[in-house]
């Protein structure tokens, strides 16, 4: 799933690496809470969308 927009868009215009790292951490934390079927969040910056992509994850036993 490609996210449509970035919650840190204004910051990303000047500090892309910082904004993308923060967004990845935010989305990864949310994804971790979706156990046992948590999606995998990965960085994939490309305009005009968000820099984080969610892909299907493996079922977790935790």
PDB file of N, CA and C in Angstrom:
ATOM      1  N   UNK A   1       0.845  -1.146   0.000  1.00  0.00           N
ATOM      2  CA  UNK A   1       0.000   0.000   0.000  1.00  0.00           C
ATOM      3  C   UNK A   1       0.904   1.226   0.000  1.00  0.00           C
ATOM      4  N   UNK A   2       0.689   2.096  -0.954  1.00  0.00           N
ATOM      5  CA  UNK A   2       1.405   3.367  -0.997  1.00  0.00           C
ATOM      6  C   UNK A   2       0.528   4.422  -0.346  1.00  0.00           C
ATOM      7  N   UNK A   3       1.068   5.143   0.608  1.00  0.00           N
ATOM      8  CA  UNK A   3       0.306   6.175   1.295  1.00  0.00           C
ATOM      9  C   UNK A   3       0.197   7.402   0.405  1.00  0.00           C
ATOM     10  N   UNK A   4      -0.945   8.060   0.463  1.00  0.00           N
ATOM     11  CA  UNK A   4      -1.235   9.154  -0.462  1.00  0.00           C
ATOM     12  C   UNK A   4      -0.506  10.452  -0.138  1.00  0.00           C
ATOM     13  N   UNK A   5      -0.257  10.701   1.130  1.00  0.00           N
ATOM     14  CA  UNK A   5       0.404  11.955   1.479  1.00  0.00           C
ATOM     15  C   UNK A   5       1.279  11.760   2.711  1.00  0.00           C
ATOM     16  N   UNK A   6       2.094  12.735   2.973  1.00  0.00           N
ATOM     17  CA  UNK A   6       3.033  12.673   4.093  1.00  0.00           C
ATOM     18  C   UNK A   6       2.561  13.610   5.201  1.00  0.00           C
ATOM     19  N   UNK A   7       2.464  13.118   6.442  1.00  0.00           N
ATOM     20  CA  UNK A   7       2.069  14.007   7.534  1.00  0.00           C
ATOM     21  C   UNK A   7       3.146  15.038   7.863  1.00  0.00           C
ATOM     22  N   UNK A   8       4.333  14.848   7.341  1.00  0.00           N
ATOM     23  CA  UNK A   8       5.446  15.769   7.579  1.00  0.00           C
ATOM     24  C   UNK A   8       5.846  16.492   6.294  1.00  0.00           C
ATOM     25  N   UNK A   9       4.904  16.705   5.399  1.00  0.00           N
ATOM     26  CA  UNK A   9       5.191  17.265   4.077  1.00  0.00           C
ATOM     27  C   UNK A   9       5.957  18.592   4.148  1.00  0.00           C
ATOM     28  N   UNK A  10       5.518  19.502   5.000  1.00  0.00           N
ATOM     29  CA  UNK A  10       6.175  20.813   5.081  1.00  0.00           C
ATOM     30  C   UNK A  10       7.639  20.666   5.504  1.00  0.00           C
ATOM     31  N   UNK A  11       7.891  19.806   6.482  1.00  0.00           N
ATOM     32  CA  UNK A  11       9.264  19.568   6.926  1.00  0.00           C
ATOM     33  C   UNK A  11      10.068  18.852   5.840  1.00  0.00           C
ATOM     34  N   UNK A  12       9.425  17.919   5.141  1.00  0.00           N
ATOM     35  CA  UNK A  12      10.117  17.124   4.118  1.00  0.00           C
ATOM     36  C   UNK A  12      10.644  17.977   2.970  1.00  0.00           C
ATOM     37  N   UNK A  13      10.026  19.113   2.731  1.00  0.00           N
ATOM     38  CA  UNK A  13      10.501  19.981   1.656  1.00  0.00           C
ATOM     39  C   UNK A  13      11.909  20.499   1.929  1.00  0.00           C
ATOM     40  N   UNK A  14      12.258  20.665   3.221  1.00  0.00           N
ATOM     41  CA  UNK A  14      13.582  21.183   3.568  1.00  0.00           C
ATOM     42  C   UNK A  14      14.482  20.141   4.223  1.00  0.00           C
ATOM     43  N   UNK A  15      13.891  19.179   4.896  1.00  0.00           N
ATOM     44  CA  UNK A  15      14.658  18.166   5.634  1.00  0.00           C
ATOM     45  C   UNK A  15      14.101  16.774   5.323  1.00  0.00           C
ATOM     46  N   UNK A  16      14.229  16.350   4.075  1.00  0.00           N
ATOM     47  CA  UNK A  16      13.604  15.091   3.629  1.00  0.00           C
ATOM     48  C   UNK A  16      14.048  13.888   4.461  1.00  0.00           C
ATOM     49  N   UNK A  17      15.351  13.739   4.701  1.00  0.00           N
ATOM     50  CA  UNK A  17      15.831  12.563   5.438  1.00  0.00           C
ATOM     51  C   UNK A  17      15.235  12.505   6.844  1.00  0.00           C
ATOM     52  N   UNK A  18      15.204  13.636   7.536  1.00  0.00           N
ATOM     53  CA  UNK A  18      14.634  13.691   8.877  1.00  0.00           C
ATOM     54  C   UNK A  18      13.148  13.353   8.845  1.00  0.00           C
ATOM     55  N   UNK A  19      12.405  13.976   7.942  1.00  0.00           N
ATOM     56  CA  UNK A  19      10.961  13.756   7.866  1.00  0.00           C
ATOM     57  C   UNK A  19      10.637  12.310   7.509  1.00  0.00           C
ATOM     58  N   UNK A  20      11.355  11.741   6.555  1.00  0.00           N
ATOM     59  CA  UNK A  20      11.090  10.357   6.144  1.00  0.00           C
ATOM     60  C   UNK A  20      11.436   9.378   7.264  1.00  0.00           C
ATOM     61  N   UNK A  21      12.511   9.640   7.991  1.00  0.00           N
ATOM     62  CA  UNK A  21      12.885   8.780   9.111  1.00  0.00           C
ATOM     63  C   UNK A  21      11.826   8.830  10.203  1.00  0.00           C
ATOM     64  N   UNK A  22      11.328  10.030  10.515  1.00  0.00           N
ATOM     65  CA  UNK A  22      10.270  10.163  11.524  1.00  0.00           C
ATOM     66  C   UNK A  22       8.996   9.454  11.075  1.00  0.00           C
ATOM     67  N   UNK A  23       8.618   9.631   9.827  1.00  0.00           N
ATOM     68  CA  UNK A  23       7.403   9.013   9.314  1.00  0.00           C
ATOM     69  C   UNK A  23       7.532   7.492   9.312  1.00  0.00           C
ATOM     70  N   UNK A  24       8.688   6.983   8.916  1.00  0.00           N
ATOM     71  CA  UNK A  24       8.917   5.539   8.920  1.00  0.00           C
ATOM     72  C   UNK A  24       8.799   4.986  10.340  1.00  0.00           C
ATOM     73  N   UNK A  25       9.369   5.687  11.316  1.00  0.00           N
ATOM     74  CA  UNK A  25       9.285   5.247  12.709  1.00  0.00           C
ATOM     75  C   UNK A  25       7.837   5.251  13.194  1.00  0.00           C
ATOM     76  N   UNK A  26       7.086   6.272  12.839  1.00  0.00           N
ATOM     77  CA  UNK A  26       5.676   6.363  13.228  1.00  0.00           C
ATOM     78  C   UNK A  26       4.869   5.213  12.635  1.00  0.00           C
ATOM     79  N   UNK A  27       4.978   5.002  11.332  1.00  0.00           N
ATOM     80  CA  UNK A  27       4.217   3.953  10.654  1.00  0.00           C
ATOM     81  C   UNK A  27       4.673   2.568  11.120  1.00  0.00           C
ATOM     82  N   UNK A  28       5.963   2.376  11.352  1.00  0.00           N
ATOM     83  CA  UNK A  28       6.463   1.087  11.848  1.00  0.00           C
ATOM     84  C   UNK A  28       5.895   0.774  13.228  1.00  0.00           C
ATOM     85  N   UNK A  29       5.812   1.780  14.079  1.00  0.00           N
ATOM     86  CA  UNK A  29       5.241   1.584  15.411  1.00  0.00           C
ATOM     87  C   UNK A  29       3.778   1.195  15.354  1.00  0.00           C
ATOM     88  N   UNK A  30       3.033   1.835  14.478  1.00  0.00           N
ATOM     89  CA  UNK A  30       1.622   1.482  14.307  1.00  0.00           C
ATOM     90  C   UNK A  30       1.510   0.062  13.755  1.00  0.00           C
ATOM     91  N   UNK A  31       2.328  -0.269  12.768  1.00  0.00           N
ATOM     92  CA  UNK A  31       2.295  -1.607  12.168  1.00  0.00           C
ATOM     93  C   UNK A  31       2.633  -2.683  13.201  1.00  0.00           C
ATOM     94  N   UNK A  32       3.568  -2.407  14.095  1.00  0.00           N
ATOM     95  CA  UNK A  32       3.937  -3.382  15.126  1.00  0.00           C
ATOM     96  C   UNK A  32       2.752  -3.732  16.023  1.00  0.00           C
ATOM     97  N   UNK A  33       1.841  -2.792  16.212  1.00  0.00           N
ATOM     98  CA  UNK A  33       0.673  -3.028  17.062  1.00  0.00           C
ATOM     99  C   UNK A  33      -0.384  -3.887  16.376  1.00  0.00           C
ATOM    100  N   UNK A  34      -0.236  -4.158  15.108  1.00  0.00           N
ATOM    101  CA  UNK A  34      -1.236  -4.914  14.352  1.00  0.00           C
ATOM    102  C   UNK A  34      -0.920  -6.409  14.314  1.00  0.00           C
ATOM    103  N   UNK A  35      -0.282  -6.905  15.318  1.00  0.00           N
ATOM    104  CA  UNK A  35       0.037  -8.332  15.385  1.00  0.00           C
ATOM    105  C   UNK A  35      -1.244  -9.128  15.486  1.00  0.00           C
ATOM    106  N   UNK A  36      -1.309 -10.325  14.996  1.00  0.00           N
ATOM    107  CA  UNK A  36      -0.236 -11.139  14.468  1.00  0.00           C
ATOM    108  C   UNK A  36      -0.011 -10.943  12.972  1.00  0.00           C
ATOM    109  N   UNK A  37      -0.792 -10.113  12.325  1.00  0.00           N
ATOM    110  CA  UNK A  37      -0.682  -9.955  10.864  1.00  0.00           C
ATOM    111  C   UNK A  37      -0.085  -8.608  10.503  1.00  0.00           C
ATOM    112  N   UNK A  38       0.914  -8.183  11.246  1.00  0.00           N
ATOM    113  CA  UNK A  38       1.430  -6.830  11.057  1.00  0.00           C
ATOM    114  C   UNK A  38       2.068  -6.651   9.686  1.00  0.00           C
ATOM    115  N   UNK A  39       1.750  -5.537   9.038  1.00  0.00           N
ATOM    116  CA  UNK A  39       2.388  -5.235   7.754  1.00  0.00           C
ATOM    117  C   UNK A  39       3.832  -4.790   7.964  1.00  0.00           C
ATOM    118  N   UNK A  40       4.599  -4.840   6.913  1.00  0.00           N
ATOM    119  CA  UNK A  40       5.993  -4.393   6.942  1.00  0.00           C
ATOM    120  C   UNK A  40       6.051  -2.985   6.358  1.00  0.00           C
ATOM    121  N   UNK A  41       6.625  -2.055   7.109  1.00  0.00           N
ATOM    122  CA  UNK A  41       6.792  -0.679   6.634  1.00  0.00           C
ATOM    123  C   UNK A  41       8.215  -0.523   6.120  1.00  0.00           C
ATOM    124  N   UNK A  42       8.348   0.018   4.918  1.00  0.00           N
ATOM    125  CA  UNK A  42       9.684   0.249   4.367  1.00  0.00           C
ATOM    126  C   UNK A  42       9.740   1.632   3.737  1.00  0.00           C
ATOM    127  N   UNK A  43      10.932   2.194   3.735  1.00  0.00           N
ATOM    128  CA  UNK A  43      11.135   3.496   3.102  1.00  0.00           C
ATOM    129  C   UNK A  43      11.214   3.322   1.589  1.00  0.00           C
ATOM    130  N   UNK A  44      10.496   4.174   0.878  1.00  0.00           N
ATOM    131  CA  UNK A  44      10.527   4.171  -0.590  1.00  0.00           C
ATOM    132  C   UNK A  44      10.112   5.564  -1.062  1.00  0.00           C
ATOM    133  N   UNK A  45      10.959   6.575  -0.782  1.00  0.00           N
ATOM    134  CA  UNK A  45      10.568   7.946  -1.117  1.00  0.00           C
ATOM    135  C   UNK A  45      10.473   8.176  -2.620  1.00  0.00           C
ATOM    136  N   UNK A  46       9.322   8.682  -3.035  1.00  0.00           N
ATOM    137  CA  UNK A  46       9.129   9.072  -4.437  1.00  0.00           C
ATOM    138  C   UNK A  46       7.952  10.039  -4.492  1.00  0.00           C
ATOM    139  N   UNK A  47       8.174  11.185  -5.091  1.00  0.00           N
ATOM    140  CA  UNK A  47       7.115  12.186  -5.183  1.00  0.00           C
ATOM    141  C   UNK A  47       5.973  11.686  -6.051  1.00  0.00           C
ATOM    142  N   UNK A  48       4.767  12.117  -5.866  1.00  0.00           N
ATOM    143  CA  UNK A  48       4.352  13.125  -4.898  1.00  0.00           C
ATOM    144  C   UNK A  48       3.824  12.518  -3.617  1.00  0.00           C
ATOM    145  N   UNK A  49       3.916  11.220  -3.434  1.00  0.00           N
ATOM    146  CA  UNK A  49       3.314  10.554  -2.280  1.00  0.00           C
ATOM    147  C   UNK A  49       4.209  10.522  -1.066  1.00  0.00           C
ATOM    148  N   UNK A  50       3.852   9.652  -0.182  1.00  0.00           N
ATOM    149  CA  UNK A  50       4.576   9.474   1.069  1.00  0.00           C
ATOM    150  C   UNK A  50       5.814   8.612   0.837  1.00  0.00           C
ATOM    151  N   UNK A  51       6.737   8.657   1.771  1.00  0.00           N
ATOM    152  CA  UNK A  51       7.986   7.911   1.628  1.00  0.00           C
ATOM    153  C   UNK A  51       7.917   6.516   2.232  1.00  0.00           C
ATOM    154  N   UNK A  52       6.784   6.158   2.846  1.00  0.00           N
ATOM    155  CA  UNK A  52       6.652   4.859   3.495  1.00  0.00           C
ATOM    156  C   UNK A  52       5.653   4.007   2.726  1.00  0.00           C
ATOM    157  N   UNK A  53       6.020   2.754   2.507  1.00  0.00           N
ATOM    158  CA  UNK A  53       5.156   1.796   1.819  1.00  0.00           C
ATOM    159  C   UNK A  53       4.881   0.654   2.783  1.00  0.00           C
ATOM    160  N   UNK A  54       3.629   0.218   2.840  1.00  0.00           N
ATOM    161  CA  UNK A  54       3.262  -0.939   3.656  1.00  0.00           C
ATOM    162  C   UNK A  54       3.067  -2.141   2.752  1.00  0.00           C
ATOM    163  N   UNK A  55       3.681  -3.255   3.120  1.00  0.00           N
ATOM    164  CA  UNK A  55       3.495  -4.500   2.385  1.00  0.00           C
ATOM    165  C   UNK A  55       3.018  -5.567   3.364  1.00  0.00           C
ATOM    166  N   UNK A  56       2.403  -6.598   2.837  1.00  0.00           N
ATOM    167  CA  UNK A  56       1.889  -7.669   3.687  1.00  0.00           C
ATOM    168  C   UNK A  56       3.028  -8.289   4.479  1.00  0.00           C
ATOM    169  N   UNK A  57       2.774  -8.497   5.752  1.00  0.00           N
ATOM    170  CA  UNK A  57       3.784  -9.105   6.602  1.00  0.00           C
ATOM    171  C   UNK A  57       3.480 -10.562   6.857  1.00  0.00           C
ATOM    172  N   UNK A  58       4.432 -11.216   7.489  1.00  0.00           N
ATOM    173  CA  UNK A  58       4.227 -12.608   7.867  1.00  0.00           C
ATOM    174  C   UNK A  58       3.530 -12.661   9.214  1.00  0.00           C
ATOM    175  N   UNK A  59       2.769 -13.708   9.441  1.00  0.00           N
ATOM    176  CA  UNK A  59       2.086 -13.877  10.712  1.00  0.00           C
ATOM    177  C   UNK A  59       3.124 -14.050  11.810  1.00  0.00           C
ATOM    178  N   UNK A  60       2.969 -13.266  12.868  1.00  0.00           N
ATOM    179  CA  UNK A  60       3.911 -13.296  13.985  1.00  0.00           C
ATOM    180  C   UNK A  60       3.349 -14.157  15.106  1.00  0.00           C
ATOM    181  N   UNK A  61       4.204 -14.860  15.806  1.00  0.00           N
ATOM    182  CA  UNK A  61       3.761 -15.683  16.930  1.00  0.00           C
ATOM    183  C   UNK A  61       3.848 -14.931  18.247  1.00  0.00           C
ATOM    184  N   UNK A  62       4.340 -13.711  18.233  1.00  0.00           N
ATOM    185  CA  UNK A  62       4.480 -12.913  19.460  1.00  0.00           C
ATOM    186  C   UNK A  62       3.170 -12.318  19.879  1.00  0.00           C
TER     187      UNK A  62
END
